[in-house]
């Protein structure tokens, strides 16, 4: 039985805070591996264009290359439908019934999960690891975690990590404005973005409809 972390998202683009979240979660909760799982059609981002699926997947592969505990998963990209976390976890459970899944989220998501699709299934299928990367205090997060556990059951633990003021939207805005953004990304990802014009002028994208 393996302890498997799952870090999902659009990764538009993947950045250093994503990697730090996964590293801290794996170290603090002794995960054997962390799956980086790009979303094909994220339900909360249906109103904007994304970099192409191929580009987002390739950036993830480049970002985690050579990191022993990190692995790329196209599990959600292979499904031709909106990527709901509850569905993904249920299907993973069927495929890997002996594994224990740890779903890694940012602190902001911990305060939004109650409104997600079938939250009770999410909490029943995976242990939640909430990372304090975006300014929420550990005490505030623990209070919210206790409330969710009382309402839905399941287990929620806090991942402590350095505060990192990095987001994919910030990086995209900087690139659009032709401001420096390289310091927020793995070097290989920044090189890929430049070579393939993923953002800014001449960008390639997928329309999320």
Protein backbone atom coordinates (compact mmCIF):
# COMPACT_ATOMS: atom_id res chain seq x y z
CA UNK A 1 0.00 0.00 0.00
CA UNK A 2 1.50 3.33 -1.12
CA UNK A 3 0.98 6.82 0.25
CA UNK A 4 0.35 8.83 -2.91
CA UNK A 5 0.00 12.61 -3.07
CA UNK A 6 -2.06 14.27 -5.79
CA UNK A 7 -1.46 17.86 -6.82
CA UNK A 8 -3.98 18.88 -9.44
CA UNK A 9 -4.57 22.15 -11.23
CA UNK A 10 -4.46 23.90 -14.56
CA UNK A 11 -0.71 24.60 -14.12
CA UNK A 12 -1.08 27.60 -16.42
CA UNK A 13 1.87 27.74 -15.87
CA UNK A 14 3.37 25.51 -13.18
CA UNK A 15 5.64 27.54 -10.88
CA UNK A 16 7.99 27.30 -7.91
CA UNK A 17 5.26 27.47 -5.27
CA UNK A 18 3.62 24.37 -6.77
CA UNK A 19 6.89 22.49 -6.43
CA UNK A 20 7.44 23.74 -2.88
CA UNK A 21 3.94 22.63 -1.87
CA UNK A 22 4.60 19.14 -3.15
CA UNK A 23 8.03 18.95 -1.55
CA UNK A 24 6.77 20.07 1.87
CA UNK A 25 3.76 17.73 1.72
CA UNK A 26 5.91 14.76 0.75
CA UNK A 27 8.45 15.46 3.48
CA UNK A 28 6.04 16.25 6.32
CA UNK A 29 3.65 13.36 5.62
CA UNK A 30 6.14 10.83 4.23
CA UNK A 31 4.50 10.44 0.85
CA UNK A 32 6.12 7.90 -1.43
CA UNK A 33 5.28 9.90 -4.54
CA UNK A 34 3.35 12.95 -5.67
CA UNK A 35 1.35 12.90 -8.91
CA UNK A 36 1.17 16.22 -10.76
CA UNK A 37 -2.17 16.00 -12.54
CA UNK A 38 -3.11 18.80 -15.00
CA UNK A 39 -6.83 19.46 -15.44
CA UNK A 40 -8.28 19.16 -18.93
CA UNK A 41 -11.45 21.21 -18.40
CA UNK A 42 -11.30 22.79 -14.92
CA UNK A 43 -14.87 23.62 -13.81
CA UNK A 44 -13.88 26.85 -12.04
CA UNK A 45 -12.04 28.28 -15.07
CA UNK A 46 -14.53 27.82 -17.87
CA UNK A 47 -14.64 31.53 -18.67
CA UNK A 48 -11.11 32.09 -19.88
CA UNK A 49 -8.59 30.76 -22.35
CA UNK A 50 -5.82 28.47 -21.15
CA UNK A 51 -2.46 27.67 -22.67
CA UNK A 52 -2.88 24.55 -24.77
CA UNK A 53 -3.25 21.22 -22.99
CA UNK A 54 -0.08 20.00 -24.69
CA UNK A 55 1.88 23.03 -23.46
CA UNK A 56 0.62 22.80 -19.89
CA UNK A 57 1.45 19.10 -19.72
CA UNK A 58 4.90 19.61 -21.19
CA UNK A 59 5.66 22.40 -18.69
CA UNK A 60 4.75 20.07 -15.84
CA UNK A 61 7.00 17.34 -17.23
CA UNK A 62 9.88 19.80 -17.52
CA UNK A 63 9.34 21.19 -14.01
CA UNK A 64 9.44 17.81 -12.26
CA UNK A 65 12.11 16.11 -14.39
CA UNK A 66 14.80 14.52 -12.24
CA UNK A 67 12.80 14.78 -9.00
CA UNK A 68 12.59 11.23 -7.69
CA UNK A 69 9.27 11.45 -5.82
CA UNK A 70 7.42 13.49 -8.44
CA UNK A 71 5.56 11.95 -11.37
CA UNK A 72 3.41 13.31 -14.20
CA UNK A 73 -0.14 11.98 -14.57
CA UNK A 74 -2.42 12.52 -17.55
CA UNK A 75 -5.32 10.85 -15.74
CA UNK A 76 -7.64 13.86 -16.04
CA UNK A 77 -6.43 14.90 -19.49
CA UNK A 78 -7.41 11.49 -20.87
CA UNK A 79 -11.02 12.04 -19.84
CA UNK A 80 -13.14 13.99 -22.35
CA UNK A 81 -15.18 15.86 -19.76
CA UNK A 82 -14.96 18.49 -17.02
CA UNK A 83 -12.44 17.54 -14.34
CA UNK A 84 -14.26 17.20 -11.02
CA UNK A 85 -12.03 16.21 -8.11
CA UNK A 86 -14.70 13.90 -6.64
CA UNK A 87 -14.89 11.92 -9.91
CA UNK A 88 -11.11 11.71 -10.24
CA UNK A 89 -10.63 10.40 -6.71
CA UNK A 90 -13.43 7.85 -7.09
CA UNK A 91 -11.92 6.51 -10.32
CA UNK A 92 -8.43 6.40 -8.85
CA UNK A 93 -9.76 4.45 -5.88
CA UNK A 94 -11.19 1.84 -8.27
CA UNK A 95 -7.88 1.51 -10.11
CA UNK A 96 -5.65 1.52 -7.04
CA UNK A 97 -7.72 0.22 -4.12
CA UNK A 98 -4.70 -0.52 -1.93
CA UNK A 99 -3.20 2.99 -2.05
CA UNK A 100 -3.92 5.88 0.31
CA UNK A 101 -4.42 9.17 -1.54
CA UNK A 102 -3.43 12.55 -0.16
CA UNK A 103 -5.02 15.44 -2.04
CA UNK A 104 -2.80 18.54 -1.81
CA UNK A 105 -4.44 21.98 -1.96
CA UNK A 106 -3.48 25.56 -1.23
CA UNK A 107 -4.85 27.31 1.81
CA UNK A 108 -7.29 29.31 -0.32
CA UNK A 109 -8.85 26.10 -1.61
CA UNK A 110 -9.45 24.86 1.93
CA UNK A 111 -11.88 27.75 2.37
CA UNK A 112 -13.61 26.98 -0.95
CA UNK A 113 -13.90 23.19 -0.88
CA UNK A 114 -17.33 23.25 0.76
CA UNK A 115 -18.74 24.64 -2.52
CA UNK A 116 -16.95 22.10 -4.75
CA UNK A 117 -18.79 19.32 -6.55
CA UNK A 118 -19.71 16.56 -4.05
CA UNK A 119 -17.31 17.62 -1.28
CA UNK A 120 -18.40 14.71 0.92
CA UNK A 121 -16.93 12.31 -1.64
CA UNK A 122 -13.64 14.21 -1.76
CA UNK A 123 -13.23 13.99 2.02
CA UNK A 124 -14.15 10.30 2.05
CA UNK A 125 -11.80 9.28 -0.77
CA UNK A 126 -8.62 11.14 0.22
CA UNK A 127 -6.75 12.68 3.11
CA UNK A 128 -6.58 16.44 2.51
CA UNK A 129 -3.23 18.21 2.87
CA UNK A 130 -3.72 21.99 2.91
CA UNK A 131 -0.60 24.09 2.39
CA UNK A 132 -0.25 27.48 4.06
CA UNK A 133 1.45 29.15 1.11
CA UNK A 134 -0.83 32.09 0.42
CA UNK A 135 -1.05 34.08 3.63
CA UNK A 136 -3.71 32.21 5.63
CA UNK A 137 -2.47 31.55 9.15
CA UNK A 138 -2.05 27.98 10.36
CA UNK A 139 -4.52 28.63 13.19
CA UNK A 140 -7.17 29.92 10.74
CA UNK A 141 -6.63 26.92 8.50
CA UNK A 142 -6.84 24.48 11.42
CA UNK A 143 -10.11 26.04 12.53
CA UNK A 144 -11.55 25.66 9.02
CA UNK A 145 -10.21 22.10 8.80
CA UNK A 146 -11.91 21.18 12.08
CA UNK A 147 -15.19 22.64 10.81
CA UNK A 148 -15.02 20.66 7.56
CA UNK A 149 -14.10 17.46 9.38
CA UNK A 150 -17.10 17.87 11.67
CA UNK A 151 -19.40 18.48 8.70
CA UNK A 152 -18.08 15.96 6.17
CA UNK A 153 -15.85 13.59 8.11
CA UNK A 154 -12.48 12.62 6.68
CA UNK A 155 -9.06 13.84 7.68
CA UNK A 156 -7.44 17.21 6.98
CA UNK A 157 -3.86 18.08 7.87
CA UNK A 158 -1.92 21.32 7.46
CA UNK A 159 1.29 21.50 5.43
CA UNK A 160 3.55 24.22 6.74
CA UNK A 161 5.72 25.97 4.16
CA UNK A 162 7.38 29.35 3.57
CA UNK A 163 5.05 32.06 2.33
CA UNK A 164 5.49 32.43 -1.43
CA UNK A 165 3.76 35.28 -3.19
CA UNK A 166 3.51 33.49 -6.52
CA UNK A 167 0.50 32.63 -8.64
CA UNK A 168 -0.01 31.52 -12.21
CA UNK A 169 -2.24 34.54 -12.89
CA UNK A 170 0.48 36.90 -11.65
CA UNK A 171 3.02 35.26 -13.94
CA UNK A 172 0.70 35.52 -16.93
CA UNK A 173 0.08 39.21 -16.22
CA UNK A 174 3.80 39.88 -16.01
CA UNK A 175 4.47 38.13 -19.30
CA UNK A 176 1.60 40.00 -20.97
CA UNK A 177 3.07 43.27 -19.67
CA UNK A 178 6.59 42.20 -20.74
CA UNK A 179 7.79 42.37 -17.13
CA UNK A 180 10.42 39.99 -15.65
CA UNK A 181 8.88 36.64 -14.67
CA UNK A 182 11.73 34.13 -14.92
CA UNK A 183 12.40 34.09 -11.18
CA UNK A 184 9.01 32.54 -10.40
CA UNK A 185 9.45 29.46 -12.61
CA UNK A 186 11.86 26.57 -13.08
CA UNK A 187 14.40 27.58 -15.73
CA UNK A 188 13.25 24.84 -18.11
CA UNK A 189 9.65 26.04 -17.91
CA UNK A 190 10.61 29.65 -18.56
CA UNK A 191 12.63 28.56 -21.58
CA UNK A 192 9.68 26.57 -22.92
CA UNK A 193 7.31 29.51 -22.48
CA UNK A 194 9.65 31.80 -24.41
CA UNK A 195 10.34 29.34 -27.21
CA UNK A 196 6.69 28.38 -27.70
CA UNK A 197 5.02 31.77 -27.06
CA UNK A 198 2.62 30.24 -24.51
CA UNK A 199 1.57 33.67 -23.20
CA UNK A 200 1.66 37.19 -24.49
CA UNK A 201 1.94 37.99 -28.18
CA UNK A 202 1.53 35.05 -30.50
CA UNK A 203 0.36 32.72 -27.73
CA UNK A 204 -1.25 29.36 -28.43
CA UNK A 205 -4.25 28.43 -26.32
CA UNK A 206 -7.20 26.15 -25.72
CA UNK A 207 -10.65 27.65 -25.51
CA UNK A 208 -12.50 26.33 -22.48
CA UNK A 209 -16.17 26.13 -23.45
